């Protein structure tokens, strides 16, 4: 961002550029259409463009990798402890009583 401010505000001293970089609300003190305000807007626009392109490229990677994951069968049980006793042994269901 400081480099973009330097490119878009060539006639502004380093102190003012540092002040503009330090607080975005400082730009609100300049009237709309002012060359300094327009330069800061252009600098932020250039910086955000690079950041958004990088974020979009990085965000594509996880869904693309998910396409290559194996298809594991997870079973039909409701939870991991269904069908086991408190000791972890497989529980057999009691036979139903005939009436």
N, C-alpha and C. Protein backbone atom coordinates (compact mmCIF):
# COMPACT_ATOMS: atom_id res chain seq x y z
N UNK A 1 0.81 -1.20 0.00
CA UNK A 1 0.00 0.00 0.00
C UNK A 1 0.86 1.27 0.00
N UNK A 2 1.91 1.36 0.80
CA UNK A 2 2.72 2.58 0.74
C UNK A 2 3.31 2.82 -0.66
N UNK A 3 3.67 1.74 -1.33
CA UNK A 3 4.21 1.88 -2.69
C UNK A 3 3.14 2.43 -3.63
N UNK A 4 1.91 1.96 -3.49
CA UNK A 4 0.82 2.45 -4.33
C UNK A 4 0.52 3.93 -4.03
N UNK A 5 0.60 4.31 -2.77
CA UNK A 5 0.41 5.73 -2.44
C UNK A 5 1.51 6.57 -3.06
N UNK A 6 2.71 6.06 -3.08
CA UNK A 6 3.83 6.79 -3.69
C UNK A 6 3.61 6.94 -5.20
N UNK A 7 3.07 5.91 -5.84
CA UNK A 7 2.81 5.96 -7.28
C UNK A 7 1.68 6.94 -7.60
N UNK A 8 0.59 6.87 -6.84
CA UNK A 8 -0.59 7.68 -7.14
C UNK A 8 -0.57 9.07 -6.52
N UNK A 9 0.34 9.33 -5.62
CA UNK A 9 0.48 10.65 -5.01
C UNK A 9 1.93 11.13 -5.11
N UNK A 10 2.44 11.35 -6.33
CA UNK A 10 3.86 11.70 -6.47
C UNK A 10 4.22 13.07 -5.90
N UNK A 11 3.28 14.02 -5.86
CA UNK A 11 3.60 15.36 -5.38
C UNK A 11 3.38 15.55 -3.89
N UNK A 12 3.04 14.49 -3.19
CA UNK A 12 2.74 14.59 -1.75
C UNK A 12 3.96 14.10 -0.96
N UNK A 13 4.29 14.82 0.12
CA UNK A 13 5.47 14.43 0.89
C UNK A 13 5.25 13.12 1.65
N UNK A 14 6.33 12.53 2.11
CA UNK A 14 6.29 11.22 2.76
C UNK A 14 5.50 11.25 4.07
N UNK A 15 5.55 12.37 4.78
CA UNK A 15 4.82 12.48 6.05
C UNK A 15 3.31 12.39 5.82
N UNK A 16 2.82 13.09 4.82
CA UNK A 16 1.38 13.06 4.51
C UNK A 16 0.98 11.68 4.02
N UNK A 17 1.82 11.05 3.20
CA UNK A 17 1.51 9.69 2.73
C UNK A 17 1.46 8.72 3.90
N UNK A 18 2.39 8.85 4.85
CA UNK A 18 2.39 7.98 6.03
C UNK A 18 1.14 8.21 6.87
N UNK A 19 0.70 9.46 6.97
CA UNK A 19 -0.52 9.78 7.72
C UNK A 19 -1.74 9.17 7.04
N UNK A 20 -1.79 9.25 5.71
CA UNK A 20 -2.90 8.66 4.96
C UNK A 20 -2.90 7.14 5.07
N UNK A 21 -1.72 6.55 5.07
CA UNK A 21 -1.61 5.10 5.20
C UNK A 21 -2.00 4.65 6.61
N UNK A 22 -1.68 5.45 7.61
CA UNK A 22 -1.94 5.09 9.00
C UNK A 22 -3.40 5.12 9.39
N UNK A 23 -4.19 5.96 8.73
CA UNK A 23 -5.61 6.08 9.10
C UNK A 23 -6.43 6.40 7.86
N UNK A 24 -7.28 5.46 7.48
CA UNK A 24 -8.12 5.67 6.29
C UNK A 24 -9.13 6.79 6.52
N UNK A 25 -9.48 7.07 7.77
CA UNK A 25 -10.45 8.13 8.03
C UNK A 25 -9.87 9.52 7.76
N UNK A 26 -8.56 9.63 7.68
CA UNK A 26 -7.93 10.91 7.38
C UNK A 26 -8.34 11.41 6.00
N UNK A 27 -8.57 10.50 5.09
CA UNK A 27 -8.94 10.88 3.72
C UNK A 27 -10.28 11.60 3.69
N UNK A 28 -11.13 11.37 4.70
CA UNK A 28 -12.45 12.02 4.74
C UNK A 28 -12.33 13.53 4.94
N UNK A 29 -11.18 14.01 5.41
CA UNK A 29 -11.00 15.44 5.59
C UNK A 29 -10.79 16.16 4.26
N UNK A 30 -10.45 15.43 3.21
CA UNK A 30 -10.26 16.03 1.89
C UNK A 30 -11.60 16.02 1.14
N UNK A 31 -11.91 17.10 0.42
CA UNK A 31 -13.20 17.14 -0.28
C UNK A 31 -13.23 16.16 -1.46
N UNK A 32 -14.42 15.69 -1.85
CA UNK A 32 -14.53 14.82 -3.02
C UNK A 32 -13.98 15.54 -4.26
N UNK A 33 -13.25 14.79 -5.07
CA UNK A 33 -12.64 15.36 -6.27
C UNK A 33 -11.25 15.91 -6.04
N UNK A 34 -10.81 16.00 -4.81
CA UNK A 34 -9.45 16.48 -4.50
C UNK A 34 -8.45 15.47 -5.05
N UNK A 35 -7.35 15.93 -5.64
CA UNK A 35 -6.36 14.99 -6.22
C UNK A 35 -5.77 14.02 -5.19
N UNK A 36 -5.61 14.46 -3.96
CA UNK A 36 -5.07 13.57 -2.93
C UNK A 36 -6.09 12.47 -2.62
N UNK A 37 -7.35 12.87 -2.47
CA UNK A 37 -8.40 11.88 -2.19
C UNK A 37 -8.53 10.88 -3.34
N UNK A 38 -8.50 11.35 -4.55
CA UNK A 38 -8.60 10.47 -5.72
C UNK A 38 -7.39 9.54 -5.81
N UNK A 39 -6.21 10.05 -5.47
CA UNK A 39 -5.00 9.23 -5.48
C UNK A 39 -5.05 8.11 -4.45
N UNK A 40 -5.56 8.43 -3.27
CA UNK A 40 -5.69 7.41 -2.22
C UNK A 40 -6.71 6.35 -2.64
N UNK A 41 -7.80 6.78 -3.25
CA UNK A 41 -8.80 5.83 -3.72
C UNK A 41 -8.20 4.90 -4.76
N UNK A 42 -7.42 5.43 -5.68
CA UNK A 42 -6.75 4.61 -6.70
C UNK A 42 -5.76 3.64 -6.05
N UNK A 43 -5.01 4.11 -5.06
CA UNK A 43 -4.03 3.26 -4.38
C UNK A 43 -4.73 2.10 -3.66
N UNK A 44 -5.81 2.39 -2.96
CA UNK A 44 -6.57 1.33 -2.30
C UNK A 44 -7.18 0.37 -3.31
N UNK A 45 -7.65 0.90 -4.44
CA UNK A 45 -8.23 0.06 -5.48
C UNK A 45 -7.19 -0.93 -6.03
N UNK A 46 -6.00 -0.45 -6.32
CA UNK A 46 -4.94 -1.32 -6.83
C UNK A 46 -4.55 -2.39 -5.81
N UNK A 47 -4.44 -1.99 -4.55
CA UNK A 47 -4.06 -2.92 -3.49
C UNK A 47 -5.13 -3.98 -3.28
N UNK A 48 -6.39 -3.57 -3.24
CA UNK A 48 -7.48 -4.52 -3.03
C UNK A 48 -7.61 -5.49 -4.20
N UNK A 49 -7.33 -5.02 -5.41
CA UNK A 49 -7.41 -5.90 -6.57
C UNK A 49 -6.43 -7.06 -6.41
N UNK A 50 -5.22 -6.77 -6.03
CA UNK A 50 -4.21 -7.82 -5.84
C UNK A 50 -4.61 -8.76 -4.71
N UNK A 51 -5.09 -8.21 -3.59
CA UNK A 51 -5.49 -9.04 -2.46
C UNK A 51 -6.66 -9.95 -2.80
N UNK A 52 -7.64 -9.44 -3.52
CA UNK A 52 -8.81 -10.25 -3.86
C UNK A 52 -8.48 -11.34 -4.88
N UNK A 53 -7.61 -11.05 -5.82
CA UNK A 53 -7.19 -12.08 -6.77
C UNK A 53 -6.46 -13.20 -6.04
N UNK A 54 -5.55 -12.83 -5.14
CA UNK A 54 -4.82 -13.85 -4.38
C UNK A 54 -5.76 -14.67 -3.50
N UNK A 55 -6.72 -14.02 -2.85
CA UNK A 55 -7.66 -14.74 -1.99
C UNK A 55 -8.54 -15.68 -2.80
N UNK A 56 -8.95 -15.27 -3.98
CA UNK A 56 -9.79 -16.12 -4.83
C UNK A 56 -9.02 -17.35 -5.29
N UNK A 57 -7.78 -17.16 -5.68
CA UNK A 57 -6.96 -18.29 -6.12
C UNK A 57 -6.75 -19.27 -4.97
N UNK A 58 -6.47 -18.77 -3.79
CA UNK A 58 -6.25 -19.64 -2.63
C UNK A 58 -7.55 -20.34 -2.22
N UNK A 59 -8.69 -19.66 -2.36
CA UNK A 59 -9.97 -20.25 -1.98
C UNK A 59 -10.40 -21.38 -2.91
N UNK A 60 -9.88 -21.43 -4.10
CA UNK A 60 -10.23 -22.49 -5.06
C UNK A 60 -9.55 -23.81 -4.70
N UNK A 61 -8.42 -23.75 -4.02
CA UNK A 61 -7.63 -24.95 -3.75
C UNK A 61 -8.37 -25.99 -2.89
N UNK A 62 -8.97 -25.66 -1.73
CA UNK A 62 -9.63 -26.70 -0.93
C UNK A 62 -10.77 -27.43 -1.65
N UNK A 63 -11.70 -26.74 -2.34
CA UNK A 63 -12.73 -27.50 -3.06
C UNK A 63 -12.15 -28.39 -4.16
N UNK A 64 -11.09 -27.92 -4.81
CA UNK A 64 -10.47 -28.74 -5.85
C UNK A 64 -9.84 -29.99 -5.24
N UNK A 65 -9.18 -29.86 -4.10
CA UNK A 65 -8.59 -31.03 -3.44
C UNK A 65 -9.66 -31.97 -2.90
N UNK A 66 -10.80 -31.43 -2.51
CA UNK A 66 -11.89 -32.27 -1.99
C UNK A 66 -12.43 -33.22 -3.06
N UNK A 67 -12.30 -32.84 -4.32
CA UNK A 67 -12.76 -33.71 -5.40
C UNK A 67 -11.93 -34.99 -5.51
N UNK A 68 -10.72 -34.98 -5.00
CA UNK A 68 -9.83 -36.13 -5.10
C UNK A 68 -9.81 -37.00 -3.84
N UNK A 69 -10.64 -36.68 -2.86
CA UNK A 69 -10.69 -37.47 -1.63
C UNK A 69 -11.42 -38.79 -1.89
N UNK A 70 -10.99 -39.86 -1.20
CA UNK A 70 -11.69 -41.13 -1.38
C UNK A 70 -13.09 -41.06 -0.77
N UNK A 71 -13.97 -41.91 -1.28
CA UNK A 71 -15.35 -41.94 -0.81
C UNK A 71 -15.49 -43.01 0.26
N UNK A 72 -15.30 -42.64 1.52
CA UNK A 72 -15.38 -43.59 2.62
C UNK A 72 -16.84 -43.85 2.97
N UNK A 73 -17.17 -45.12 3.26
CA UNK A 73 -18.50 -45.46 3.74
C UNK A 73 -18.52 -45.24 5.24
N UNK A 74 -19.39 -44.41 5.70
CA UNK A 74 -19.42 -44.06 7.11
C UNK A 74 -20.39 -44.90 7.93
N UNK A 75 -21.19 -45.70 7.28
CA UNK A 75 -22.12 -46.56 8.00
C UNK A 75 -23.45 -45.89 8.25
N UNK A 76 -24.35 -46.69 8.84
CA UNK A 76 -25.70 -46.19 9.08
C UNK A 76 -25.99 -45.91 10.54
N UNK A 77 -25.02 -46.06 11.43
CA UNK A 77 -25.27 -45.85 12.85
C UNK A 77 -25.46 -44.37 13.14
N UNK A 78 -26.21 -44.12 14.19
CA UNK A 78 -26.51 -42.74 14.56
C UNK A 78 -25.28 -42.06 15.17
N UNK A 79 -24.54 -42.80 16.01
CA UNK A 79 -23.35 -42.22 16.62
C UNK A 79 -22.31 -43.32 16.83
N UNK A 80 -21.14 -42.95 17.26
CA UNK A 80 -20.02 -43.88 17.34
C UNK A 80 -20.18 -44.95 18.41
N UNK A 81 -20.97 -44.74 19.43
CA UNK A 81 -21.08 -45.71 20.52
C UNK A 81 -22.30 -46.61 20.38
N UNK A 82 -23.06 -46.47 19.35
CA UNK A 82 -24.24 -47.30 19.18
C UNK A 82 -23.82 -48.75 18.97
N UNK A 83 -24.45 -49.67 19.68
CA UNK A 83 -24.14 -51.09 19.53
C UNK A 83 -22.99 -51.57 20.38
N UNK A 84 -22.52 -50.76 21.35
CA UNK A 84 -21.44 -51.20 22.23
C UNK A 84 -21.88 -51.03 23.68
N UNK A 85 -21.24 -51.83 24.55
CA UNK A 85 -21.52 -51.71 25.98
C UNK A 85 -20.63 -50.63 26.56
N UNK A 86 -20.73 -50.42 27.87
CA UNK A 86 -19.91 -49.41 28.51
C UNK A 86 -18.43 -49.77 28.49
N UNK A 87 -18.11 -51.07 28.36
CA UNK A 87 -16.71 -51.49 28.30
C UNK A 87 -16.17 -51.47 26.88
N UNK A 88 -17.01 -51.18 25.91
CA UNK A 88 -16.56 -51.11 24.53
C UNK A 88 -16.80 -52.36 23.72
N UNK A 89 -17.36 -53.41 24.37
CA UNK A 89 -17.63 -54.66 23.66
C UNK A 89 -18.88 -54.50 22.80
N UNK A 90 -18.95 -55.29 21.74
CA UNK A 90 -20.12 -55.24 20.87
C UNK A 90 -21.30 -55.86 21.61
N UNK A 91 -22.37 -55.13 21.67
CA UNK A 91 -23.56 -55.58 22.40
C UNK A 91 -24.46 -56.36 21.45
N UNK A 92 -24.96 -57.47 21.98
CA UNK A 92 -25.95 -58.23 21.22
C UNK A 92 -27.31 -57.83 21.71
N UNK A 93 -28.21 -57.73 20.78
CA UNK A 93 -29.56 -57.36 21.18
C UNK A 93 -30.23 -58.56 21.83
N UNK A 94 -30.97 -58.30 22.86
CA UNK A 94 -31.68 -59.37 23.56
C UNK A 94 -32.79 -59.90 22.66
N UNK A 95 -32.98 -61.21 22.65
CA UNK A 95 -34.06 -61.75 21.83
C UNK A 95 -35.41 -61.26 22.34
N UNK A 96 -36.28 -61.00 21.41
CA UNK A 96 -37.60 -60.51 21.80
C UNK A 96 -38.41 -61.64 22.42
N UNK A 97 -39.11 -61.33 23.47
CA UNK A 97 -39.94 -62.34 24.14
C UNK A 97 -41.23 -62.52 23.37
N UNK A 98 -41.65 -63.76 23.29
CA UNK A 98 -42.90 -64.05 22.60
C UNK A 98 -44.03 -63.98 23.62
N UNK A 99 -45.08 -63.36 23.24
CA UNK A 99 -46.20 -63.22 24.17
C UNK A 99 -47.18 -64.34 24.08
